[in-house]
Amino acid sequence: MPDSPRNWLEEIAAAYKDATGAIPSGALVGQDIRPEGLFHVAPSIRMESRGVGSDERLRRKATEAALSSYIATKKQSPDAFSSPQVTFAIAGHPPSRSL
């Protein structure tokens, strides 16, 4: 777990870079992958980078929490999602108390 805002930002940046690596491969599998949709994989990528990606139960729970947080935040503050990077960061950071 990141222990400072700087480390959190560095983790998010590395995870986003990893996620964007899938964009060119989308055409190979018949998928139109765009930066705006990468938030769907943010929880999985973040868990993998923390070494807990193999626990499917935890992955489902983290994904559900993150996407619930995304939906709640989007309803309250739609302008918070001004860019794919911000959306990815919000969706990839579920509230810790929900896990």
N, C-alpha and C. Protein backbone atom coordinates (compact mmCIF):
# COMPACT_ATOMS: atom_id res chain seq x y z
N MET A 1 0.83 -1.17 0.00
CA MET A 1 0.00 0.00 0.00
C MET A 1 0.89 1.25 0.00
N PRO A 2 0.55 2.23 -0.79
CA PRO A 2 1.32 3.47 -0.79
C PRO A 2 1.23 4.14 0.58
N ASP A 3 2.34 4.69 1.03
CA ASP A 3 2.38 5.30 2.35
C ASP A 3 2.44 6.82 2.31
N SER A 4 2.26 7.39 1.12
CA SER A 4 2.25 8.85 1.00
C SER A 4 1.49 9.22 -0.27
N PRO A 5 1.01 10.46 -0.34
CA PRO A 5 0.33 10.89 -1.57
C PRO A 5 1.21 10.73 -2.81
N ARG A 6 2.48 11.04 -2.67
CA ARG A 6 3.40 10.92 -3.81
C ARG A 6 3.48 9.47 -4.28
N ASN A 7 3.63 8.54 -3.33
CA ASN A 7 3.70 7.13 -3.69
C ASN A 7 2.40 6.64 -4.30
N TRP A 8 1.28 7.14 -3.80
CA TRP A 8 -0.03 6.78 -4.36
C TRP A 8 -0.11 7.25 -5.82
N LEU A 9 0.31 8.49 -6.06
CA LEU A 9 0.29 9.01 -7.43
C LEU A 9 1.21 8.22 -8.35
N GLU A 10 2.36 7.84 -7.84
CA GLU A 10 3.29 7.05 -8.65
C GLU A 10 2.69 5.67 -8.97
N GLU A 11 2.01 5.08 -7.99
CA GLU A 11 1.37 3.78 -8.24
C GLU A 11 0.26 3.91 -9.28
N ILE A 12 -0.55 4.95 -9.15
CA ILE A 12 -1.64 5.18 -10.11
C ILE A 12 -1.06 5.40 -11.51
N ALA A 13 -0.02 6.20 -11.61
CA ALA A 13 0.59 6.48 -12.92
C ALA A 13 1.12 5.20 -13.55
N ALA A 14 1.77 4.36 -12.76
CA ALA A 14 2.30 3.09 -13.30
C ALA A 14 1.16 2.17 -13.72
N ALA A 15 0.09 2.11 -12.93
CA ALA A 15 -1.06 1.27 -13.27
C ALA A 15 -1.74 1.78 -14.54
N TYR A 16 -1.88 3.10 -14.67
CA TYR A 16 -2.51 3.67 -15.87
C TYR A 16 -1.66 3.38 -17.11
N LYS A 17 -0.36 3.50 -16.96
CA LYS A 17 0.54 3.20 -18.07
C LYS A 17 0.38 1.73 -18.48
N ASP A 18 0.30 0.86 -17.50
CA ASP A 18 0.09 -0.57 -17.77
C ASP A 18 -1.23 -0.78 -18.51
N ALA A 19 -2.29 -0.13 -18.04
CA ALA A 19 -3.61 -0.28 -18.67
C ALA A 19 -3.62 0.23 -20.10
N THR A 20 -2.97 1.35 -20.35
CA THR A 20 -2.97 1.90 -21.72
C THR A 20 -2.22 0.99 -22.69
N GLY A 21 -1.37 0.14 -22.15
CA GLY A 21 -0.66 -0.82 -23.01
C GLY A 21 -1.60 -1.78 -23.70
N ALA A 22 -2.81 -1.95 -23.18
CA ALA A 22 -3.80 -2.85 -23.78
C ALA A 22 -4.51 -2.22 -24.97
N ILE A 23 -4.47 -0.93 -25.09
CA ILE A 23 -5.23 -0.24 -26.14
C ILE A 23 -4.86 -0.75 -27.54
N PRO A 24 -3.59 -0.81 -27.92
CA PRO A 24 -3.27 -1.29 -29.27
C PRO A 24 -3.67 -2.75 -29.51
N SER A 25 -3.73 -3.55 -28.46
CA SER A 25 -4.07 -4.96 -28.61
C SER A 25 -5.56 -5.17 -28.82
N GLY A 26 -6.35 -4.18 -28.52
CA GLY A 26 -7.80 -4.32 -28.66
C GLY A 26 -8.23 -4.73 -30.05
N ALA A 27 -7.64 -4.12 -31.05
CA ALA A 27 -8.01 -4.45 -32.44
C ALA A 27 -7.72 -5.90 -32.77
N LEU A 28 -6.69 -6.46 -32.16
CA LEU A 28 -6.34 -7.86 -32.42
C LEU A 28 -7.40 -8.83 -31.92
N VAL A 29 -8.15 -8.42 -30.91
CA VAL A 29 -9.19 -9.29 -30.35
C VAL A 29 -10.60 -8.76 -30.63
N GLY A 30 -10.69 -7.81 -31.55
CA GLY A 30 -11.99 -7.28 -31.96
C GLY A 30 -12.63 -6.36 -30.95
N GLN A 31 -11.84 -5.72 -30.10
CA GLN A 31 -12.36 -4.80 -29.10
C GLN A 31 -11.85 -3.39 -29.36
N ASP A 32 -12.74 -2.43 -29.21
CA ASP A 32 -12.36 -1.03 -29.34
C ASP A 32 -12.06 -0.50 -27.94
N ILE A 33 -10.81 -0.61 -27.52
CA ILE A 33 -10.42 -0.18 -26.19
C ILE A 33 -10.00 1.28 -26.26
N ARG A 34 -10.63 2.08 -25.42
CA ARG A 34 -10.35 3.52 -25.39
C ARG A 34 -9.96 3.94 -23.97
N PRO A 35 -9.22 5.02 -23.86
CA PRO A 35 -8.83 5.49 -22.52
C PRO A 35 -10.02 5.70 -21.58
N GLU A 36 -11.16 6.13 -22.13
CA GLU A 36 -12.35 6.40 -21.31
C GLU A 36 -12.89 5.14 -20.63
N GLY A 37 -12.58 3.98 -21.16
CA GLY A 37 -13.09 2.74 -20.60
C GLY A 37 -12.11 2.00 -19.70
N LEU A 38 -10.91 2.51 -19.56
CA LEU A 38 -9.90 1.80 -18.78
C LEU A 38 -10.21 1.73 -17.29
N PHE A 39 -11.12 2.58 -16.82
CA PHE A 39 -11.42 2.55 -15.38
C PHE A 39 -12.01 1.21 -14.96
N HIS A 40 -12.58 0.48 -15.90
CA HIS A 40 -13.15 -0.84 -15.57
C HIS A 40 -12.08 -1.83 -15.08
N VAL A 41 -10.86 -1.68 -15.57
CA VAL A 41 -9.80 -2.62 -15.18
C VAL A 41 -8.89 -2.06 -14.08
N ALA A 42 -9.15 -0.84 -13.65
CA ALA A 42 -8.29 -0.21 -12.64
C ALA A 42 -8.16 -1.04 -11.36
N PRO A 43 -9.24 -1.53 -10.77
CA PRO A 43 -9.06 -2.30 -9.53
C PRO A 43 -8.19 -3.54 -9.72
N SER A 44 -8.39 -4.25 -10.81
CA SER A 44 -7.60 -5.47 -11.06
C SER A 44 -6.13 -5.15 -11.25
N ILE A 45 -5.84 -4.12 -12.00
CA ILE A 45 -4.44 -3.74 -12.24
C ILE A 45 -3.78 -3.30 -10.94
N ARG A 46 -4.49 -2.52 -10.14
CA ARG A 46 -3.92 -2.06 -8.87
C ARG A 46 -3.66 -3.24 -7.94
N MET A 47 -4.58 -4.20 -7.89
CA MET A 47 -4.38 -5.37 -7.03
C MET A 47 -3.20 -6.19 -7.51
N GLU A 48 -3.09 -6.34 -8.81
CA GLU A 48 -1.97 -7.11 -9.37
C GLU A 48 -0.65 -6.45 -9.02
N SER A 49 -0.59 -5.13 -9.12
CA SER A 49 0.66 -4.43 -8.80
C SER A 49 1.02 -4.53 -7.32
N ARG A 50 0.01 -4.79 -6.48
CA ARG A 50 0.26 -4.94 -5.04
C ARG A 50 0.48 -6.40 -4.66
N GLY A 51 0.45 -7.29 -5.64
CA GLY A 51 0.71 -8.69 -5.37
C GLY A 51 -0.44 -9.47 -4.79
N VAL A 52 -1.66 -8.96 -4.94
CA VAL A 52 -2.83 -9.68 -4.42
C VAL A 52 -3.81 -10.02 -5.55
N GLY A 53 -3.31 -10.08 -6.75
CA GLY A 53 -4.17 -10.30 -7.91
C GLY A 53 -4.72 -11.69 -8.05
N SER A 54 -4.17 -12.68 -7.35
CA SER A 54 -4.63 -14.05 -7.54
C SER A 54 -5.82 -14.42 -6.66
N ASP A 55 -6.19 -13.58 -5.73
CA ASP A 55 -7.33 -13.85 -4.85
C ASP A 55 -8.61 -13.35 -5.53
N GLU A 56 -9.32 -14.27 -6.17
CA GLU A 56 -10.50 -13.90 -6.97
C GLU A 56 -11.61 -13.28 -6.11
N ARG A 57 -11.81 -13.79 -4.92
CA ARG A 57 -12.85 -13.24 -4.04
C ARG A 57 -12.53 -11.78 -3.69
N LEU A 58 -11.28 -11.52 -3.34
CA LEU A 58 -10.86 -10.16 -3.01
C LEU A 58 -10.92 -9.27 -4.24
N ARG A 59 -10.57 -9.81 -5.40
CA ARG A 59 -10.63 -9.03 -6.64
C ARG A 59 -12.07 -8.60 -6.94
N ARG A 60 -13.01 -9.52 -6.80
CA ARG A 60 -14.42 -9.18 -7.04
C ARG A 60 -14.90 -8.13 -6.05
N LYS A 61 -14.54 -8.31 -4.78
CA LYS A 61 -14.96 -7.37 -3.75
C LYS A 61 -14.37 -5.98 -3.99
N ALA A 62 -13.09 -5.92 -4.34
CA ALA A 62 -12.44 -4.64 -4.61
C ALA A 62 -13.03 -3.96 -5.83
N THR A 63 -13.31 -4.75 -6.86
CA THR A 63 -13.90 -4.20 -8.08
C THR A 63 -15.29 -3.64 -7.80
N GLU A 64 -16.08 -4.39 -7.06
CA GLU A 64 -17.43 -3.93 -6.71
C GLU A 64 -17.37 -2.64 -5.90
N ALA A 65 -16.48 -2.60 -4.92
CA ALA A 65 -16.34 -1.40 -4.09
C ALA A 65 -15.88 -0.20 -4.92
N ALA A 66 -14.90 -0.42 -5.78
CA ALA A 66 -14.36 0.67 -6.59
C ALA A 66 -15.40 1.21 -7.56
N LEU A 67 -16.12 0.32 -8.22
CA LEU A 67 -17.11 0.78 -9.19
C LEU A 67 -18.32 1.41 -8.48
N SER A 68 -18.65 0.94 -7.30
CA SER A 68 -19.72 1.58 -6.51
C SER A 68 -19.30 3.00 -6.13
N SER A 69 -18.05 3.15 -5.73
CA SER A 69 -17.51 4.46 -5.39
C SER A 69 -17.54 5.38 -6.62
N TYR A 70 -17.18 4.82 -7.76
CA TYR A 70 -17.21 5.57 -9.02
C TYR A 70 -18.62 6.08 -9.30
N ILE A 71 -19.61 5.19 -9.19
CA ILE A 71 -21.00 5.57 -9.48
C ILE A 71 -21.49 6.65 -8.52
N ALA A 72 -21.22 6.46 -7.23
CA ALA A 72 -21.65 7.45 -6.23
C ALA A 72 -20.99 8.80 -6.47
N THR A 73 -19.70 8.78 -6.75
CA THR A 73 -18.98 10.03 -6.99
C THR A 73 -19.48 10.71 -8.26
N LYS A 74 -19.73 9.92 -9.30
CA LYS A 74 -20.20 10.49 -10.57
C LYS A 74 -21.55 11.16 -10.39
N LYS A 75 -22.42 10.56 -9.57
CA LYS A 75 -23.74 11.16 -9.33
C LYS A 75 -23.61 12.48 -8.58
N GLN A 76 -22.72 12.52 -7.60
CA GLN A 76 -22.56 13.72 -6.77
C GLN A 76 -21.71 14.80 -7.42
N SER A 77 -20.68 14.38 -8.15
CA SER A 77 -19.72 15.32 -8.73
C SER A 77 -19.33 14.89 -10.13
N PRO A 78 -20.22 15.03 -11.10
CA PRO A 78 -19.90 14.55 -12.45
C PRO A 78 -18.66 15.21 -13.05
N ASP A 79 -18.35 16.43 -12.63
CA ASP A 79 -17.18 17.11 -13.17
C ASP A 79 -15.87 16.53 -12.64
N ALA A 80 -15.95 15.67 -11.61
CA ALA A 80 -14.74 15.07 -11.06
C ALA A 80 -14.05 14.18 -12.07
N PHE A 81 -14.80 13.71 -13.05
CA PHE A 81 -14.26 12.79 -14.05
C PHE A 81 -13.90 13.55 -15.32
N SER A 82 -13.02 14.50 -15.16
CA SER A 82 -12.65 15.39 -16.25
C SER A 82 -11.72 14.75 -17.27
N SER A 83 -11.10 13.65 -16.91
CA SER A 83 -10.18 12.99 -17.83
C SER A 83 -10.16 11.49 -17.54
N PRO A 84 -9.75 10.69 -18.53
CA PRO A 84 -9.65 9.25 -18.30
C PRO A 84 -8.70 8.91 -17.16
N GLN A 85 -7.65 9.70 -16.99
CA GLN A 85 -6.67 9.44 -15.93
C GLN A 85 -7.30 9.64 -14.55
N VAL A 86 -8.09 10.70 -14.39
CA VAL A 86 -8.75 10.96 -13.11
C VAL A 86 -9.77 9.86 -12.83
N THR A 87 -10.55 9.49 -13.84
CA THR A 87 -11.54 8.43 -13.68
C THR A 87 -10.86 7.13 -13.27
N PHE A 88 -9.75 6.80 -13.91
CA PHE A 88 -8.99 5.59 -13.59
C PHE A 88 -8.52 5.64 -12.13
N ALA A 89 -8.01 6.78 -11.72
CA ALA A 89 -7.51 6.92 -10.34
C ALA A 89 -8.63 6.74 -9.32
N ILE A 90 -9.79 7.32 -9.59
CA ILE A 90 -10.92 7.20 -8.66
C ILE A 90 -11.43 5.77 -8.63
N ALA A 91 -11.59 5.16 -9.79
CA ALA A 91 -12.12 3.79 -9.84
C ALA A 91 -11.13 2.79 -9.29
N GLY A 92 -9.87 3.08 -9.35
CA GLY A 92 -8.86 2.16 -8.87
C GLY A 92 -8.57 2.28 -7.39
N HIS A 93 -9.31 3.13 -6.71
CA HIS A 93 -9.05 3.36 -5.30
C HIS A 93 -10.34 3.19 -4.50
N PRO A 94 -10.74 1.92 -4.24
CA PRO A 94 -11.96 1.73 -3.47
C PRO A 94 -11.76 2.17 -2.02
N PRO A 95 -12.82 2.55 -1.35
CA PRO A 95 -12.68 2.89 0.06
C PRO A 95 -12.16 1.71 0.85
N SER A 96 -11.13 1.87 1.63
CA SER A 96 -10.50 0.74 2.32
C SER A 96 -11.44 0.08 3.32
N ARG A 97 -12.35 0.80 3.89
CA ARG A 97 -13.24 0.20 4.87
C ARG A 97 -14.22 -0.78 4.24
N SER A 98 -14.41 -0.72 2.92
CA SER A 98 -15.34 -1.62 2.27
C SER A 98 -14.74 -2.99 2.01
N LEU A 99 -13.41 -3.12 2.17
CA LEU A 99 -12.75 -4.40 1.97
C LEU A 99 -12.52 -5.00 3.32
